[in-house]
Amino acid sequence: QVQPEESGGGLVQPGESLRLSCVASTRIFSIHNMNWYRERPGNQRELVASITGTGATNYADSVKGRFTISRDNEKNMAFLQMENLKPEDTAIYYCRLGNLYWGKGTLVTVSS
């Protein structure tokens, strides 16, 4: 299916790292931007990071220097490497294929 599917969420301690993965089964995966959003408790869904089909990236100020978005077009996958996680990073993280298809989300909880 075209719908992205996230994985890799879980419970981590502050300062730890986590890697999220997203896969979307489409033969034209490389055409689309891939995006990671998050929805923190009590807040609207926000864009965290994006990457174009050719690798240009953009990050929200809140995660710059800590998060890295990447993609593997041969595997139809996108990744979000999260370092030095903070409690305020706690959220449901969503992968989005372009501006059309959303994943169901994966929960990241950062707590001591």
C-alpha atoms as a PDB file:
ATOM      1  CA  GLN A   1       0.000   0.000   0.000  1.00  0.00           C
ATOM      2  CA  VAL A   2       0.965   3.623  -0.460  1.00  0.00           C
ATOM      3  CA  GLN A   3       0.120   4.567   3.111  1.00  0.00           C
ATOM      4  CA  PRO A   4       3.308   5.123   5.096  1.00  0.00           C
ATOM      5  CA  GLU A   5       3.934   2.956   8.125  1.00  0.00           C
ATOM      6  CA  GLU A   6       6.055   4.173  11.026  1.00  0.00           C
ATOM      7  CA  SER A   7       7.991   2.120  13.523  1.00  0.00           C
ATOM      8  CA  GLY A   8      10.623   2.571  16.198  1.00  0.00           C
ATOM      9  CA  GLY A   9       8.809   4.531  18.865  1.00  0.00           C
ATOM     10  CA  GLY A  10       9.059   3.709  22.517  1.00  0.00           C
ATOM     11  CA  LEU A  11       9.947   4.881  25.998  1.00  0.00           C
ATOM     12  CA  VAL A  12      13.393   6.396  26.488  1.00  0.00           C
ATOM     13  CA  GLN A  13      15.219   8.386  29.133  1.00  0.00           C
ATOM     14  CA  PRO A  14      16.175  12.026  28.603  1.00  0.00           C
ATOM     15  CA  GLY A  15      19.460  12.257  26.737  1.00  0.00           C
ATOM     16  CA  GLU A  16      19.019   8.943  24.983  1.00  0.00           C
ATOM     17  CA  SER A  17      18.581   8.315  21.272  1.00  0.00           C
ATOM     18  CA  LEU A  18      15.946   6.720  19.119  1.00  0.00           C
ATOM     19  CA  ARG A  19      15.598   5.990  15.426  1.00  0.00           C
ATOM     20  CA  LEU A  20      12.228   6.101  13.727  1.00  0.00           C
ATOM     21  CA  SER A  21      11.579   4.376  10.422  1.00  0.00           C
ATOM     22  CA  CYS A  22       8.941   4.874   7.774  1.00  0.00           C
ATOM     23  CA  VAL A  23       8.170   2.721   4.765  1.00  0.00           C
ATOM     24  CA  ALA A  24       5.795   3.442   1.895  1.00  0.00           C
ATOM     25  CA  SER A  25       5.173   0.916  -0.838  1.00  0.00           C
ATOM     26  CA  THR A  26       5.179   2.908  -4.032  1.00  0.00           C
ATOM     27  CA  ARG A  27       7.307   2.537  -7.127  1.00  0.00           C
ATOM     28  CA  ILE A  28       7.647   6.319  -7.378  1.00  0.00           C
ATOM     29  CA  PHE A  29       8.758   6.827  -3.793  1.00  0.00           C
ATOM     30  CA  SER A  30      11.726   8.936  -4.866  1.00  0.00           C
ATOM     31  CA  ILE A  31       9.448  11.535  -6.468  1.00  0.00           C
ATOM     32  CA  HIS A  32       7.958  12.620  -3.161  1.00  0.00           C
ATOM     33  CA  ASN A  33       9.257  14.642  -0.297  1.00  0.00           C
ATOM     34  CA  MET A  34       9.237  12.719   2.952  1.00  0.00           C
ATOM     35  CA  ASN A  35       8.227  14.456   6.116  1.00  0.00           C
ATOM     36  CA  TRP A  36       8.201  13.780   9.825  1.00  0.00           C
ATOM     37  CA  TYR A  37       5.580  15.503  11.932  1.00  0.00           C
ATOM     38  CA  ARG A  38       4.817  15.204  15.588  1.00  0.00           C
ATOM     39  CA  GLU A  39       1.820  15.824  17.768  1.00  0.00           C
ATOM     40  CA  ARG A  40       2.775  16.676  21.323  1.00  0.00           C
ATOM     41  CA  PRO A  41       0.216  16.375  24.110  1.00  0.00           C
ATOM     42  CA  GLY A  42      -2.209  19.269  23.941  1.00  0.00           C
ATOM     43  CA  ASN A  43      -0.649  20.688  20.779  1.00  0.00           C
ATOM     44  CA  GLN A  44      -1.340  20.731  17.077  1.00  0.00           C
ATOM     45  CA  ARG A  45       0.558  18.525  14.711  1.00  0.00           C
ATOM     46  CA  GLU A  46       3.791  20.217  13.638  1.00  0.00           C
ATOM     47  CA  LEU A  47       6.419  19.609  11.012  1.00  0.00           C
ATOM     48  CA  VAL A  48       9.658  18.340  12.509  1.00  0.00           C
ATOM     49  CA  ALA A  49      11.805  17.553   9.486  1.00  0.00           C
ATOM     50  CA  SER A  50      11.522  17.118   5.753  1.00  0.00           C
ATOM     51  CA  ILE A  51      13.690  15.764   2.994  1.00  0.00           C
ATOM     52  CA  THR A  52      13.342  16.082  -0.747  1.00  0.00           C
ATOM     53  CA  GLY A  53      13.753  13.230  -3.155  1.00  0.00           C
ATOM     54  CA  THR A  54      17.324  14.326  -3.773  1.00  0.00           C
ATOM     55  CA  GLY A  55      18.282  14.789  -0.147  1.00  0.00           C
ATOM     56  CA  ALA A  56      17.760  18.446   0.730  1.00  0.00           C
ATOM     57  CA  THR A  57      16.653  18.705   4.350  1.00  0.00           C
ATOM     58  CA  ASN A  58      14.842  21.119   6.600  1.00  0.00           C
ATOM     59  CA  TYR A  59      14.301  21.046  10.364  1.00  0.00           C
ATOM     60  CA  ALA A  60      12.219  22.755  12.949  1.00  0.00           C
ATOM     61  CA  ASP A  61      14.284  24.987  15.213  1.00  0.00           C
ATOM     62  CA  SER A  62      13.387  22.850  18.204  1.00  0.00           C
ATOM     63  CA  VAL A  63      15.200  19.812  16.793  1.00  0.00           C
ATOM     64  CA  LYS A  64      18.080  21.324  14.824  1.00  0.00           C
ATOM     65  CA  GLY A  65      21.363  19.756  15.793  1.00  0.00           C
ATOM     66  CA  ARG A  66      19.652  16.820  17.490  1.00  0.00           C
ATOM     67  CA  PHE A  67      17.522  15.165  14.806  1.00  0.00           C
ATOM     68  CA  THR A  68      18.586  13.922  11.395  1.00  0.00           C
ATOM     69  CA  ILE A  69      16.206  12.959   8.618  1.00  0.00           C
ATOM     70  CA  SER A  70      17.375  10.624   5.885  1.00  0.00           C
ATOM     71  CA  ARG A  71      15.955   8.375   3.203  1.00  0.00           C
ATOM     72  CA  ASP A  72      16.756   5.256   1.261  1.00  0.00           C
ATOM     73  CA  ASN A  73      14.919   5.401  -2.031  1.00  0.00           C
ATOM     74  CA  GLU A  74      15.871   1.851  -2.976  1.00  0.00           C
ATOM     75  CA  LYS A  75      14.070   0.601   0.125  1.00  0.00           C
ATOM     76  CA  ASN A  76      11.229   3.148   0.009  1.00  0.00           C
ATOM     77  CA  MET A  77      12.161   4.221   3.510  1.00  0.00           C
ATOM     78  CA  ALA A  78      12.686   7.390   5.478  1.00  0.00           C
ATOM     79  CA  PHE A  79      14.281   7.705   8.885  1.00  0.00           C
ATOM     80  CA  LEU A  80      14.437  10.117  11.755  1.00  0.00           C
ATOM     81  CA  GLN A  81      17.469   9.757  13.984  1.00  0.00           C
ATOM     82  CA  MET A  82      16.755  11.492  17.268  1.00  0.00           C
ATOM     83  CA  GLU A  83      19.626  12.310  19.613  1.00  0.00           C
ATOM     84  CA  ASN A  84      19.694  13.862  23.061  1.00  0.00           C
ATOM     85  CA  LEU A  85      15.984  13.444  23.481  1.00  0.00           C
ATOM     86  CA  LYS A  86      14.165  15.762  25.827  1.00  0.00           C
ATOM     87  CA  PRO A  87      10.870  15.367  27.672  1.00  0.00           C
ATOM     88  CA  GLU A  88       9.339  17.964  25.355  1.00  0.00           C
ATOM     89  CA  ASP A  89      10.026  15.623  22.428  1.00  0.00           C
ATOM     90  CA  THR A  90       7.329  13.321  23.756  1.00  0.00           C
ATOM     91  CA  ALA A  91       4.783  13.017  20.973  1.00  0.00           C
ATOM     92  CA  ILE A  92       3.186  10.825  18.406  1.00  0.00           C
ATOM     93  CA  TYR A  93       5.450  10.994  15.379  1.00  0.00           C
ATOM     94  CA  TYR A  94       3.925  10.756  11.919  1.00  0.00           C
ATOM     95  CA  CYS A  95       5.489  10.074   8.576  1.00  0.00           C
ATOM     96  CA  ARG A  96       3.988  11.812   5.555  1.00  0.00           C
ATOM     97  CA  LEU A  97       4.524  10.954   1.925  1.00  0.00           C
ATOM     98  CA  GLY A  98       4.502  14.261   0.109  1.00  0.00           C
ATOM     99  CA  ASN A  99       1.412  16.197   1.087  1.00  0.00           C
ATOM    100  CA  LEU A 100      -1.066  13.388   0.552  1.00  0.00           C
ATOM    101  CA  TYR A 101      -0.461  10.217   2.579  1.00  0.00           C
ATOM    102  CA  TRP A 102      -0.114   9.999   6.348  1.00  0.00           C
ATOM    103  CA  GLY A 103       1.084   7.146   8.450  1.00  0.00           C
ATOM    104  CA  LYS A 104      -0.780   6.142  11.593  1.00  0.00           C
ATOM    105  CA  GLY A 105       1.971   7.373  13.885  1.00  0.00           C
ATOM    106  CA  THR A 106       4.359   5.929  16.436  1.00  0.00           C
ATOM    107  CA  LEU A 107       4.542   7.077  20.041  1.00  0.00           C
ATOM    108  CA  VAL A 108       7.769   8.424  21.499  1.00  0.00           C
ATOM    109  CA  THR A 109       7.828   9.013  25.237  1.00  0.00           C
ATOM    110  CA  VAL A 110      10.828  10.693  26.846  1.00  0.00           C
ATOM    111  CA  SER A 111      10.677  10.441  30.594  1.00  0.00           C
ATOM    112  CA  SER A 112      12.828   9.633  33.583  1.00  0.00           C
END
